[in-house]
Amino acid sequence: MAGMATKINPKQNLNSNLDITQIAPEDVAQLAERLDRDDYGNPFEALEDWHLLRAIAFHNAELVEPYLYLLDIEAYDEA
């Protein structure tokens, strides 16, 4: 069903069949909201969400651009 947001389960195992190329902007916004609230039961849940956001950024940087501050990625010059 095109145009439908993929429901991201906060407990989603990153090794499962989650197709990050099909994640909608609404899903990324929900993920970023959870990370921004930082209201997790344990640090591993936050780390899973952080890794998911980072993986999405590698596949579709435009979706994650408004939330790059959550990834704390610094640009550097290798020259």
C-alpha atoms as a PDB file:
ATOM      1  CA  MET A   1       0.000   0.000   0.000  1.00  0.00           C
ATOM      2  CA  ALA A   2       1.864   3.015  -1.256  1.00  0.00           C
ATOM      3  CA  GLY A   3       1.820   6.125   0.883  1.00  0.00           C
ATOM      4  CA  MET A   4       1.088   4.299   4.113  1.00  0.00           C
ATOM      5  CA  ALA A   5       3.525   4.845   6.919  1.00  0.00           C
ATOM      6  CA  THR A   6       5.462   1.852   8.162  1.00  0.00           C
ATOM      7  CA  LYS A   7       4.690   1.404  11.837  1.00  0.00           C
ATOM      8  CA  ILE A   8       8.006   1.346  13.664  1.00  0.00           C
ATOM      9  CA  ASN A   9       7.806  -0.743  16.769  1.00  0.00           C
ATOM     10  CA  PRO A  10      10.039   0.786  19.443  1.00  0.00           C
ATOM     11  CA  LYS A  11      10.970  -2.760  20.441  1.00  0.00           C
ATOM     12  CA  GLN A  12      11.787  -3.675  16.796  1.00  0.00           C
ATOM     13  CA  ASN A  13      14.838  -5.890  16.496  1.00  0.00           C
ATOM     14  CA  LEU A  14      17.206  -4.296  13.981  1.00  0.00           C
ATOM     15  CA  ASN A  15      18.155  -7.729  12.670  1.00  0.00           C
ATOM     16  CA  SER A  16      14.587  -8.459  11.628  1.00  0.00           C
ATOM     17  CA  ASN A  17      13.047  -7.875   8.236  1.00  0.00           C
ATOM     18  CA  LEU A  18      12.563  -4.123   8.725  1.00  0.00           C
ATOM     19  CA  ASP A  19      13.034  -2.491   5.322  1.00  0.00           C
ATOM     20  CA  ILE A  20      14.469   0.926   6.145  1.00  0.00           C
ATOM     21  CA  THR A  21      14.188   1.963   2.508  1.00  0.00           C
ATOM     22  CA  GLN A  22      10.388   1.916   2.940  1.00  0.00           C
ATOM     23  CA  ILE A  23      10.220   4.059   6.088  1.00  0.00           C
ATOM     24  CA  ALA A  24       8.004   7.120   5.744  1.00  0.00           C
ATOM     25  CA  PRO A  25       8.805  10.629   7.030  1.00  0.00           C
ATOM     26  CA  GLU A  26       6.117  10.181   9.709  1.00  0.00           C
ATOM     27  CA  ASP A  27       7.963   7.134  11.031  1.00  0.00           C
ATOM     28  CA  VAL A  28      11.236   9.037  11.222  1.00  0.00           C
ATOM     29  CA  ALA A  29       9.462  11.874  13.045  1.00  0.00           C
ATOM     30  CA  GLN A  30       8.083   9.403  15.624  1.00  0.00           C
ATOM     31  CA  LEU A  31      11.500   7.840  16.072  1.00  0.00           C
ATOM     32  CA  ALA A  32      13.122  11.254  16.497  1.00  0.00           C
ATOM     33  CA  GLU A  33      10.445  12.293  18.980  1.00  0.00           C
ATOM     34  CA  ARG A  34      11.191   9.226  21.134  1.00  0.00           C
ATOM     35  CA  LEU A  35      14.912   9.950  21.003  1.00  0.00           C
ATOM     36  CA  ASP A  36      14.360  13.610  21.815  1.00  0.00           C
ATOM     37  CA  ARG A  37      12.151  12.748  24.816  1.00  0.00           C
ATOM     38  CA  ASP A  38      14.767  10.237  26.008  1.00  0.00           C
ATOM     39  CA  ASP A  39      12.148   8.451  28.096  1.00  0.00           C
ATOM     40  CA  TYR A  40      13.295   4.841  27.814  1.00  0.00           C
ATOM     41  CA  GLY A  41      13.067   2.008  30.289  1.00  0.00           C
ATOM     42  CA  ASN A  42      16.722   1.169  29.757  1.00  0.00           C
ATOM     43  CA  PRO A  43      19.659   2.547  27.765  1.00  0.00           C
ATOM     44  CA  PHE A  44      19.559  -0.298  25.259  1.00  0.00           C
ATOM     45  CA  GLU A  45      16.142   0.780  23.966  1.00  0.00           C
ATOM     46  CA  ALA A  46      17.534   4.253  23.273  1.00  0.00           C
ATOM     47  CA  LEU A  47      20.578   2.758  21.595  1.00  0.00           C
ATOM     48  CA  GLU A  48      18.378   0.633  19.325  1.00  0.00           C
ATOM     49  CA  ASP A  49      16.427   3.707  18.235  1.00  0.00           C
ATOM     50  CA  TRP A  50      19.659   5.647  17.727  1.00  0.00           C
ATOM     51  CA  HIS A  51      21.090   2.878  15.526  1.00  0.00           C
ATOM     52  CA  LEU A  52      17.854   2.745  13.537  1.00  0.00           C
ATOM     53  CA  LEU A  53      17.916   6.508  12.939  1.00  0.00           C
ATOM     54  CA  ARG A  54      21.561   6.262  11.912  1.00  0.00           C
ATOM     55  CA  ALA A  55      20.809   3.435   9.473  1.00  0.00           C
ATOM     56  CA  ILE A  56      17.987   5.465   7.959  1.00  0.00           C
ATOM     57  CA  ALA A  57      20.378   8.406   7.591  1.00  0.00           C
ATOM     58  CA  PHE A  58      22.777   6.289   5.562  1.00  0.00           C
ATOM     59  CA  HIS A  59      20.014   5.142   3.213  1.00  0.00           C
ATOM     60  CA  ASN A  60      18.004   8.359   2.979  1.00  0.00           C
ATOM     61  CA  ALA A  61      19.776  11.373   4.458  1.00  0.00           C
ATOM     62  CA  GLU A  62      16.959  13.715   3.459  1.00  0.00           C
ATOM     63  CA  LEU A  63      14.529  11.991   5.838  1.00  0.00           C
ATOM     64  CA  VAL A  64      16.879  12.384   8.783  1.00  0.00           C
ATOM     65  CA  GLU A  65      18.261  15.843   8.003  1.00  0.00           C
ATOM     66  CA  PRO A  66      15.957  17.690  10.473  1.00  0.00           C
ATOM     67  CA  TYR A  67      17.056  15.292  13.223  1.00  0.00           C
ATOM     68  CA  LEU A  68      20.829  15.137  12.676  1.00  0.00           C
ATOM     69  CA  TYR A  69      21.366  16.785  16.058  1.00  0.00           C
ATOM     70  CA  LEU A  70      20.121  13.540  17.623  1.00  0.00           C
ATOM     71  CA  LEU A  71      22.879  11.569  15.928  1.00  0.00           C
ATOM     72  CA  ASP A  72      25.646  13.894  17.090  1.00  0.00           C
ATOM     73  CA  ILE A  73      27.583  13.358  13.878  1.00  0.00           C
ATOM     74  CA  GLU A  74      30.351  15.888  13.391  1.00  0.00           C
ATOM     75  CA  ALA A  75      31.703  16.808  10.014  1.00  0.00           C
ATOM     76  CA  TYR A  76      35.452  16.565   9.699  1.00  0.00           C
ATOM     77  CA  ASP A  77      38.057  17.195   7.048  1.00  0.00           C
ATOM     78  CA  GLU A  78      40.415  14.334   6.293  1.00  0.00           C
ATOM     79  CA  ALA A  79      42.751  16.544   4.241  1.00  0.00           C
END
